């Protein structure tokens, strides 16, 4: 018999205190790390970029050699070489000299600035400079993106594409992440595998198990496929015991209601404790949450829509709890926030300003990321989202309400209060 139906949030509040942390972890290649959860802080082992590099196409110069340059009074410098991206400079810039340089190329010794190509004119082996530059102008300095020893990603971060790009930039090929292992089983005498004669009267293809396996892999889980168990107490008990030995969580679909063949809750009760049976969601009311052998056993209804609705209502939250964090807002949601300072933009250009969200008593505050050049990958790693300023608008004022498009989930460690 179903226990008293309760709302989903109350069900989770009753159940989550029984759930223990997952301890399994594994080293995975970066190509397989998307949406996995870090087990430790990532500390930069090197500077990014590892050398001073040109931020624009142009000429590497000594800035002091350009002082006073203007279209009416150009300064003439001798061209002593050319550097393409990926090449090591073989020349040193002396007083009165310049080196043609490509965006991203390593700055030669002696130079400290780049004059953009738009403000120059080549004349044989010399170049006319029409605009003065200051030291460091149009140069991406060593360590400007990330400095060696800096914490670039925190433990329990749900890895996003920009994070994986950063790990690669640090020279890493793999990363250690949590490895929740979940066993999945279906129950029912009527079930058959796809292609195994479902035309037989009364038989049903087991679609639930395949949908649940896909959903779990989407959440970064390793899945143990326990197949189909028949409506037999001994077989159900044997399968669940085997699943508990192999996995950190067991998910079963079917046999959770009050019919003659709905044996699963009673079998699980023998192995542990059914904490919740009957939830006020539609569809999905017969969902049950139990603990057996110290591990969650999630019993989902047999109808496929109810199965997936109940799955997404409970399983992601339980898995997050096992890994020690909770999600406040999902990626690609939009959050309202107040700007911490004015955000400039150019008329006629759609501007994507990277912002960090801070919680306040009145809601979120959007603080622009300080270093945000197009080559600064850490600006995406640090940011929670974009403030997108449309072409027809010139900037956003301090204190103005804006919409932030989240580029990563907003999460909170269970032992901390801040995002």
Protein backbone atom coordinates (compact mmCIF):
# COMPACT_ATOMS: atom_id res chain seq x y z
CA UNK A 1 0.00 0.00 0.00
CA UNK A 2 1.21 3.52 -0.81
CA UNK A 3 2.29 5.70 2.07
CA UNK A 4 0.72 9.13 2.36
CA UNK A 5 1.43 11.23 -0.73
CA UNK A 6 3.74 14.20 -0.10
CA UNK A 7 5.01 16.98 -2.33
CA UNK A 8 8.31 16.53 -4.15
CA UNK A 9 10.32 19.05 -2.10
CA UNK A 10 9.18 17.48 1.18
CA UNK A 11 10.06 14.06 -0.19
CA UNK A 12 13.61 15.22 -0.94
CA UNK A 13 13.96 16.87 2.48
CA UNK A 14 12.99 13.59 4.11
CA UNK A 15 15.20 11.48 1.88
CA UNK A 16 18.45 13.41 1.31
CA UNK A 17 19.67 13.19 4.94
CA UNK A 18 19.86 9.41 4.45
CA UNK A 19 22.08 9.73 1.35
CA UNK A 20 25.83 9.21 1.80
CA UNK A 21 28.56 10.91 -0.29
CA UNK A 22 29.94 9.11 -3.31
CA UNK A 23 33.62 8.27 -2.89
CA UNK A 24 34.46 6.76 -6.26
CA UNK A 25 36.51 8.85 -8.65
CA UNK A 26 38.33 8.31 -11.91
CA UNK A 27 40.74 10.00 -14.28
CA UNK A 28 39.03 10.75 -17.59
CA UNK A 29 40.40 12.23 -20.84
CA UNK A 30 39.38 15.80 -21.46
CA UNK A 31 37.28 14.65 -24.42
CA UNK A 32 35.04 12.76 -21.96
CA UNK A 33 34.97 15.30 -19.12
CA UNK A 34 31.99 17.46 -20.11
CA UNK A 35 29.47 17.86 -17.23
CA UNK A 36 31.62 15.75 -14.92
CA UNK A 37 32.33 17.06 -11.41
CA UNK A 38 35.84 17.91 -10.18
CA UNK A 39 37.13 16.08 -7.12
CA UNK A 40 39.80 18.70 -6.33
CA UNK A 41 40.89 22.25 -7.01
CA UNK A 42 42.87 22.75 -10.21
CA UNK A 43 45.99 24.86 -9.68
CA UNK A 44 47.78 26.31 -12.69
CA UNK A 45 51.17 24.72 -13.27
CA UNK A 46 52.22 27.38 -15.79
CA UNK A 47 51.59 30.93 -16.92
CA UNK A 48 49.04 31.49 -19.69
CA UNK A 49 50.17 32.83 -22.05
CA UNK A 50 53.65 31.44 -21.34
CA UNK A 51 55.29 34.45 -23.04
CA UNK A 52 54.48 38.02 -24.06
CA UNK A 53 52.58 37.87 -27.36
CA UNK A 54 51.17 40.30 -29.88
CA UNK A 55 47.47 41.02 -29.43
CA UNK A 56 47.19 42.60 -32.90
CA UNK A 57 48.78 42.33 -36.34
CA UNK A 58 51.30 45.10 -36.75
CA UNK A 59 54.85 46.00 -35.78
CA UNK A 60 56.67 45.15 -32.57
CA UNK A 61 58.50 48.25 -31.41
CA UNK A 62 60.07 50.04 -28.48
CA UNK A 63 57.15 52.26 -27.39
CA UNK A 64 59.47 55.19 -26.67
CA UNK A 65 60.51 55.21 -30.34
CA UNK A 66 56.92 56.09 -31.34
CA UNK A 67 56.32 59.01 -29.01
CA UNK A 68 55.15 62.05 -30.97
CA UNK A 69 54.10 60.05 -34.04
CA UNK A 70 51.04 61.33 -35.92
CA UNK A 71 49.62 61.21 -39.47
CA UNK A 72 51.12 64.66 -40.06
CA UNK A 73 54.46 63.72 -38.47
CA UNK A 74 55.13 59.98 -38.95
CA UNK A 75 58.17 58.35 -37.40
CA UNK A 76 60.27 56.11 -39.65
CA UNK A 77 61.63 52.85 -38.22
CA UNK A 78 63.85 50.21 -39.84
CA UNK A 79 62.21 46.78 -40.37
CA UNK A 80 64.64 44.13 -39.15
CA UNK A 81 62.51 40.99 -39.36
CA UNK A 82 59.14 39.29 -39.36
CA UNK A 83 57.57 36.89 -36.83
CA UNK A 84 54.62 34.59 -37.55
CA UNK A 85 52.56 32.87 -34.87
CA UNK A 86 54.24 29.70 -33.65
CA UNK A 87 57.75 30.94 -34.48
CA UNK A 88 60.50 31.73 -31.98
CA UNK A 89 61.87 35.23 -32.61
CA UNK A 90 65.36 35.25 -34.05
CA UNK A 91 65.83 38.97 -33.82
CA UNK A 92 66.14 41.64 -31.11
CA UNK A 93 64.58 45.07 -31.50
CA UNK A 94 67.06 47.90 -31.05
CA UNK A 95 66.44 51.65 -30.93
CA UNK A 96 64.86 52.85 -34.16
CA UNK A 97 63.84 49.35 -35.28
CA UNK A 98 60.59 47.43 -35.78
CA UNK A 99 59.60 43.82 -36.49
CA UNK A 100 56.51 42.84 -38.50
CA UNK A 101 54.48 40.58 -36.20
CA UNK A 102 51.28 38.49 -36.42
CA UNK A 103 48.55 38.28 -33.79
CA UNK A 104 49.53 35.70 -31.17
CA UNK A 105 53.19 35.64 -32.12
CA UNK A 106 55.90 35.80 -29.45
CA UNK A 107 57.22 39.31 -28.83
CA UNK A 108 60.91 39.73 -29.72
CA UNK A 109 63.48 40.82 -27.17
CA UNK A 110 63.75 44.58 -26.81
CA UNK A 111 60.18 45.32 -27.88
CA UNK A 112 57.41 46.32 -25.47
CA UNK A 113 54.45 47.34 -27.65
CA UNK A 114 52.75 46.69 -30.98
CA UNK A 115 51.63 49.36 -33.44
CA UNK A 116 48.49 48.16 -35.21
CA UNK A 117 48.95 47.63 -38.95
CA UNK A 118 46.20 50.22 -39.59
CA UNK A 119 48.49 52.97 -38.26
CA UNK A 120 51.53 52.10 -40.37
CA UNK A 121 52.76 52.29 -43.96
CA UNK A 122 55.59 50.16 -45.26
CA UNK A 123 58.15 51.97 -47.38
CA UNK A 124 60.74 49.48 -48.67
CA UNK A 125 62.70 48.21 -45.67
CA UNK A 126 61.23 50.84 -43.36
CA UNK A 127 57.80 51.52 -41.85
CA UNK A 128 56.09 54.82 -41.18
CA UNK A 129 54.38 54.99 -37.76
CA UNK A 130 51.33 57.26 -37.62
CA UNK A 131 50.28 56.71 -34.01
CA UNK A 132 52.25 56.54 -30.77
CA UNK A 133 51.86 53.55 -28.45
CA UNK A 134 52.52 53.15 -24.73
CA UNK A 135 54.53 50.30 -23.15
CA UNK A 136 52.41 47.14 -23.09
CA UNK A 137 49.90 48.44 -25.66
CA UNK A 138 48.48 45.70 -27.91
CA UNK A 139 50.53 43.11 -26.06
CA UNK A 140 49.14 40.16 -24.13
CA UNK A 141 51.60 39.82 -21.27
CA UNK A 142 52.90 36.54 -19.89
CA UNK A 143 50.47 35.28 -17.22
CA UNK A 144 47.80 37.83 -18.21
CA UNK A 145 45.22 35.05 -18.53
CA UNK A 146 46.41 32.73 -15.73
CA UNK A 147 49.42 32.86 -13.42
CA UNK A 148 51.25 29.75 -12.23
CA UNK A 149 50.01 28.77 -8.75
CA UNK A 150 46.57 30.32 -9.26
CA UNK A 151 43.46 28.25 -8.52
CA UNK A 152 41.65 28.20 -11.85
CA UNK A 153 38.84 25.75 -11.07
CA UNK A 154 37.35 24.78 -7.73
CA UNK A 155 36.49 21.34 -6.42
CA UNK A 156 32.91 20.32 -7.28
CA UNK A 157 32.84 22.45 -10.44
CA UNK A 158 30.57 20.94 -13.09
CA UNK A 159 32.92 21.06 -16.06
CA UNK A 160 31.81 23.19 -19.02
CA UNK A 161 33.43 23.52 -22.48
CA UNK A 162 35.36 26.64 -21.43
CA UNK A 163 36.71 24.78 -18.37
CA UNK A 164 37.91 21.89 -20.52
CA UNK A 165 39.59 24.37 -22.86
CA UNK A 166 41.38 25.86 -19.86
CA UNK A 167 42.55 22.43 -18.68
CA UNK A 168 43.96 21.81 -22.15
CA UNK A 169 45.68 25.21 -22.12
CA UNK A 170 47.35 24.17 -18.86
CA UNK A 171 48.80 21.15 -20.64
CA UNK A 172 46.50 18.60 -19.02
CA UNK A 173 45.26 15.60 -21.02
CA UNK A 174 42.99 14.18 -18.34
CA UNK A 175 41.28 15.21 -15.10
CA UNK A 176 40.03 13.50 -11.95
CA UNK A 177 36.25 13.56 -11.51
CA UNK A 178 33.64 11.88 -9.36
CA UNK A 179 32.39 8.55 -10.67
CA UNK A 180 28.84 7.83 -9.48
CA UNK A 181 27.90 4.30 -10.55
CA UNK A 182 24.18 3.65 -10.98
CA UNK A 183 22.53 0.28 -11.62
CA UNK A 184 19.36 0.30 -13.72
CA UNK A 185 16.72 -2.43 -13.89
CA UNK A 186 13.22 -2.84 -15.26
CA UNK A 187 10.55 -5.07 -13.75
CA UNK A 188 7.60 -6.86 -15.28
CA UNK A 189 6.52 -10.19 -16.76
CA UNK A 190 5.24 -8.33 -19.81
CA UNK A 191 8.58 -6.80 -20.80
CA UNK A 192 10.74 -7.89 -23.72
CA UNK A 193 13.90 -6.50 -25.23
CA UNK A 194 13.67 -4.48 -28.47
CA UNK A 195 13.47 -6.91 -31.38
CA UNK A 196 12.53 -9.90 -29.21
CA UNK A 197 9.01 -10.54 -30.48
CA UNK A 198 6.89 -7.77 -29.05
CA UNK A 199 4.21 -8.74 -31.54
CA UNK A 200 3.29 -11.51 -29.12
CA UNK A 201 -0.02 -10.59 -27.50
CA UNK A 202 0.32 -8.73 -24.23
CA UNK A 203 4.07 -8.06 -24.43
CA UNK A 204 5.68 -4.60 -24.12
CA UNK A 205 9.11 -3.47 -25.28
CA UNK A 206 11.25 -2.29 -22.36
CA UNK A 207 11.89 1.30 -23.43
CA UNK A 208 12.28 2.66 -19.90
CA UNK A 209 15.63 1.09 -19.22
CA UNK A 210 17.20 2.51 -22.36
CA UNK A 211 15.80 5.99 -21.66
CA UNK A 212 17.08 5.87 -18.07
CA UNK A 213 20.54 4.70 -19.14
CA UNK A 214 20.75 7.61 -21.60
CA UNK A 215 19.55 10.08 -18.96
CA UNK A 216 22.15 8.85 -16.46
CA UNK A 217 24.98 9.07 -18.98
CA UNK A 218 23.88 12.63 -19.70
CA UNK A 219 24.42 13.30 -15.98
CA UNK A 220 27.96 11.85 -16.10
CA UNK A 221 27.21 8.49 -14.45
CA UNK A 222 28.66 5.09 -15.16
CA UNK A 223 25.72 2.75 -15.69
CA UNK A 224 25.38 -0.92 -14.79
CA UNK A 225 22.59 -2.48 -16.87
CA UNK A 226 20.80 -5.08 -14.75
CA UNK A 227 18.32 -6.00 -17.48
CA UNK A 228 14.72 -7.09 -16.88
CA UNK A 229 13.55 -8.75 -13.66
CA UNK A 230 10.30 -10.68 -13.58
CA UNK A 231 7.52 -10.16 -11.05
CA UNK A 232 8.94 -12.63 -8.60
CA UNK A 233 10.05 -11.68 -5.08
CA UNK A 234 13.11 -13.93 -5.07
CA UNK A 235 14.31 -12.74 -8.47
CA UNK A 236 13.72 -9.08 -7.57
CA UNK A 237 15.58 -9.44 -4.28
CA UNK A 238 18.48 -11.24 -5.95
CA UNK A 239 18.78 -8.59 -8.66
CA UNK A 240 18.65 -5.69 -6.20
CA UNK A 241 21.28 -7.26 -3.95
CA UNK A 242 23.59 -7.75 -6.95
CA UNK A 243 22.95 -4.15 -8.05
CA UNK A 244 23.76 -2.82 -4.57
CA UNK A 245 27.08 -4.66 -4.64
CA UNK A 246 28.01 -3.08 -7.96
CA UNK A 247 26.68 0.46 -7.72
CA UNK A 248 26.28 3.57 -5.57
CA UNK A 249 22.58 3.87 -6.47
CA UNK A 250 19.92 1.56 -7.87
CA UNK A 251 17.08 2.70 -10.13
CA UNK A 252 14.18 0.41 -10.97
CA UNK A 253 11.13 1.11 -13.10
CA UNK A 254 7.79 -0.63 -12.70
CA UNK A 255 6.07 -2.60 -9.93
CA UNK A 256 5.81 0.41 -7.59
CA UNK A 257 2.02 0.88 -7.36
CA UNK A 258 -0.62 -1.16 -5.52
CA UNK A 259 -1.40 -3.90 -8.04
CA UNK A 260 -1.06 -7.62 -7.39
CA UNK A 261 2.30 -7.73 -9.19
CA UNK A 262 3.65 -4.49 -7.71
CA UNK A 263 6.10 -6.27 -5.44
CA UNK A 264 9.11 -3.97 -5.53
CA UNK A 265 8.54 -1.69 -2.50
CA UNK A 266 7.90 -4.69 -0.23
CA UNK A 267 11.06 -6.42 -1.47
CA UNK A 268 13.15 -3.28 -0.94
CA UNK A 269 11.64 -2.81 2.54
CA UNK A 270 13.09 -6.20 3.48
CA UNK A 271 16.54 -5.00 2.43
CA UNK A 272 16.39 -1.54 3.98
CA UNK A 273 13.91 1.27 4.50
CA UNK A 274 11.36 2.84 2.16
CA UNK A 275 11.47 6.50 3.19
CA UNK A 276 8.94 7.84 0.67
CA UNK A 277 6.26 5.99 -1.30
CA UNK A 278 3.76 8.16 -3.07
CA UNK A 279 4.56 11.66 -4.30
CA UNK A 280 2.17 14.43 -5.33
CA UNK A 281 3.34 14.67 -8.93
CA UNK A 282 1.33 13.82 -12.02
CA UNK A 283 2.33 11.64 -13.73
CA UNK A 284 4.67 9.81 -11.37
CA UNK A 285 2.63 9.47 -8.17
CA UNK A 286 3.76 5.88 -7.26
CA UNK A 287 7.45 6.90 -7.07
CA UNK A 288 9.29 5.49 -4.05
CA UNK A 289 12.60 6.50 -2.46
CA UNK A 290 14.42 3.99 -0.28
CA UNK A 291 17.76 3.29 1.36
CA UNK A 292 19.23 -0.22 1.29
CA UNK A 293 22.76 -1.15 2.30
CA UNK A 294 23.33 2.57 2.85
CA UNK A 295 22.59 3.35 -0.81
CA UNK A 296 19.64 5.04 -2.55
CA UNK A 297 17.13 2.78 -4.27
CA UNK A 298 14.86 4.83 -6.53
CA UNK A 299 11.66 3.10 -7.63
CA UNK A 300 10.00 4.74 -10.62
CA UNK A 301 6.58 4.08 -12.16
CA UNK A 302 6.29 1.78 -15.16
CA UNK A 303 4.69 4.13 -17.68
CA UNK A 304 7.49 5.77 -19.71
CA UNK A 305 6.40 9.41 -19.34
CA UNK A 306 5.90 8.99 -15.59
CA UNK A 307 9.28 7.26 -15.37
CA UNK A 308 11.18 10.15 -16.92
CA UNK A 309 9.27 12.88 -15.11
CA UNK A 310 9.93 11.19 -11.78
CA UNK A 311 13.55 10.59 -12.77
CA UNK A 312 14.23 14.26 -13.54
CA UNK A 313 12.33 15.37 -10.45
CA UNK A 314 14.48 13.35 -8.05
CA UNK A 315 17.59 11.69 -9.48
CA UNK A 316 19.66 14.76 -10.48
CA UNK A 317 19.12 16.28 -7.02
CA UNK A 318 20.09 13.03 -5.31
CA UNK A 319 23.23 12.64 -7.44
CA UNK A 320 24.27 16.23 -6.71
CA UNK A 321 23.79 15.60 -3.01
CA UNK A 322 26.01 12.52 -3.27
CA UNK A 323 28.74 14.68 -4.84
CA UNK A 324 28.35 17.45 -2.28
CA UNK A 325 26.70 20.33 -4.14
CA UNK A 326 23.33 21.61 -5.27
CA UNK A 327 22.27 23.44 -8.40
CA UNK A 328 20.50 26.76 -7.89
CA UNK A 329 19.96 27.60 -11.56
CA UNK A 330 20.53 25.58 -14.72
CA UNK A 331 22.78 26.50 -17.63
CA UNK A 332 21.08 28.65 -20.31
CA UNK A 333 18.52 29.97 -17.82
CA UNK A 334 18.15 33.74 -17.66
CA UNK A 335 18.59 35.53 -14.35
CA UNK A 336 17.68 39.11 -13.50
CA UNK A 337 20.48 41.13 -11.88
CA UNK A 338 21.55 44.68 -11.05
CA UNK A 339 24.81 45.90 -12.60
CA UNK A 340 27.63 46.70 -10.18
CA UNK A 341 29.13 49.30 -12.54
CA UNK A 342 28.55 50.82 -15.95
CA UNK A 343 29.11 48.43 -18.87
CA UNK A 344 30.22 50.22 -22.06
CA UNK A 345 29.40 49.00 -25.57
CA UNK A 346 29.73 50.25 -29.13
CA UNK A 347 26.68 51.34 -31.11
CA UNK A 348 25.92 48.96 -33.96
CA UNK A 349 27.68 46.01 -32.28
CA UNK A 350 26.08 43.27 -30.19
CA UNK A 351 28.27 43.07 -27.10
CA UNK A 352 28.67 39.97 -24.93
CA UNK A 353 29.89 41.15 -21.53
CA UNK A 354 31.05 38.39 -19.22
CA UNK A 355 29.78 38.84 -15.67
CA UNK A 356 30.07 37.18 -12.27
CA UNK A 357 26.86 36.98 -10.25
CA UNK A 358 26.96 37.83 -6.56
CA UNK A 359 24.07 37.15 -4.22
CA UNK A 360 22.64 40.00 -2.16
CA UNK A 361 19.58 40.36 0.05
CA UNK A 362 17.77 41.97 -2.90
CA UNK A 363 18.80 39.43 -5.56
CA UNK A 364 21.77 39.08 -7.88
CA UNK A 365 24.42 41.69 -8.64
CA UNK A 366 26.20 41.40 -12.02
CA UNK A 367 29.87 42.33 -11.83
CA UNK A 368 31.77 42.53 -15.15
CA UNK A 369 34.87 40.34 -15.37
CA UNK A 370 37.83 42.72 -15.20
CA UNK A 371 40.12 41.11 -17.79
CA UNK A 372 37.94 40.22 -20.74
CA UNK A 373 39.88 40.36 -24.01
CA UNK A 374 38.87 37.88 -26.69
CA UNK A 375 42.02 35.86 -26.03
CA UNK A 376 41.51 35.65 -22.25
CA UNK A 377 39.93 32.23 -21.72
CA UNK A 378 39.85 32.66 -17.94
CA UNK A 379 37.22 35.39 -18.42
CA UNK A 380 34.80 32.68 -19.58
CA UNK A 381 35.92 30.28 -16.86
CA UNK A 382 35.32 32.85 -14.12
CA UNK A 383 32.04 34.17 -15.57
CA UNK A 384 28.60 32.88 -14.68
CA UNK A 385 26.97 34.38 -17.74
CA UNK A 386 26.63 37.07 -20.39
CA UNK A 387 24.94 40.43 -20.33
CA UNK A 388 24.08 40.79 -24.02
CA UNK A 389 23.82 44.42 -25.05
CA UNK A 390 21.92 44.83 -28.34
CA UNK A 391 23.25 46.75 -31.33
CA UNK A 392 20.97 49.75 -30.84
CA UNK A 393 21.95 50.34 -27.19
CA UNK A 394 25.07 52.18 -26.06
CA UNK A 395 26.10 50.61 -22.77
CA UNK A 396 24.32 49.76 -19.55
CA UNK A 397 24.33 52.12 -16.59
CA UNK A 398 25.43 51.22 -13.05
CA UNK A 399 22.43 50.00 -11.04
CA UNK A 400 20.42 49.13 -14.15
CA UNK A 401 18.48 45.85 -14.16
CA UNK A 402 19.77 43.42 -16.79
CA UNK A 403 19.14 39.88 -17.95
CA UNK A 404 22.04 37.46 -17.57
CA UNK A 405 22.23 34.41 -19.83
CA UNK A 406 23.92 31.70 -17.75
CA UNK A 407 26.82 29.90 -19.42
CA UNK A 408 27.28 27.45 -16.55
CA UNK A 409 24.99 26.12 -13.83
CA UNK A 410 24.94 28.17 -10.65
CA UNK A 411 25.88 25.74 -7.90
CA UNK A 412 26.51 25.85 -4.18
CA UNK A 413 28.64 23.48 -2.13
CA UNK A 414 26.55 21.90 0.60
CA UNK A 415 29.00 23.08 3.26
CA UNK A 416 29.17 26.67 1.94
CA UNK A 417 26.80 29.57 1.47
CA UNK A 418 28.19 31.30 -1.60
CA UNK A 419 27.83 30.46 -5.28
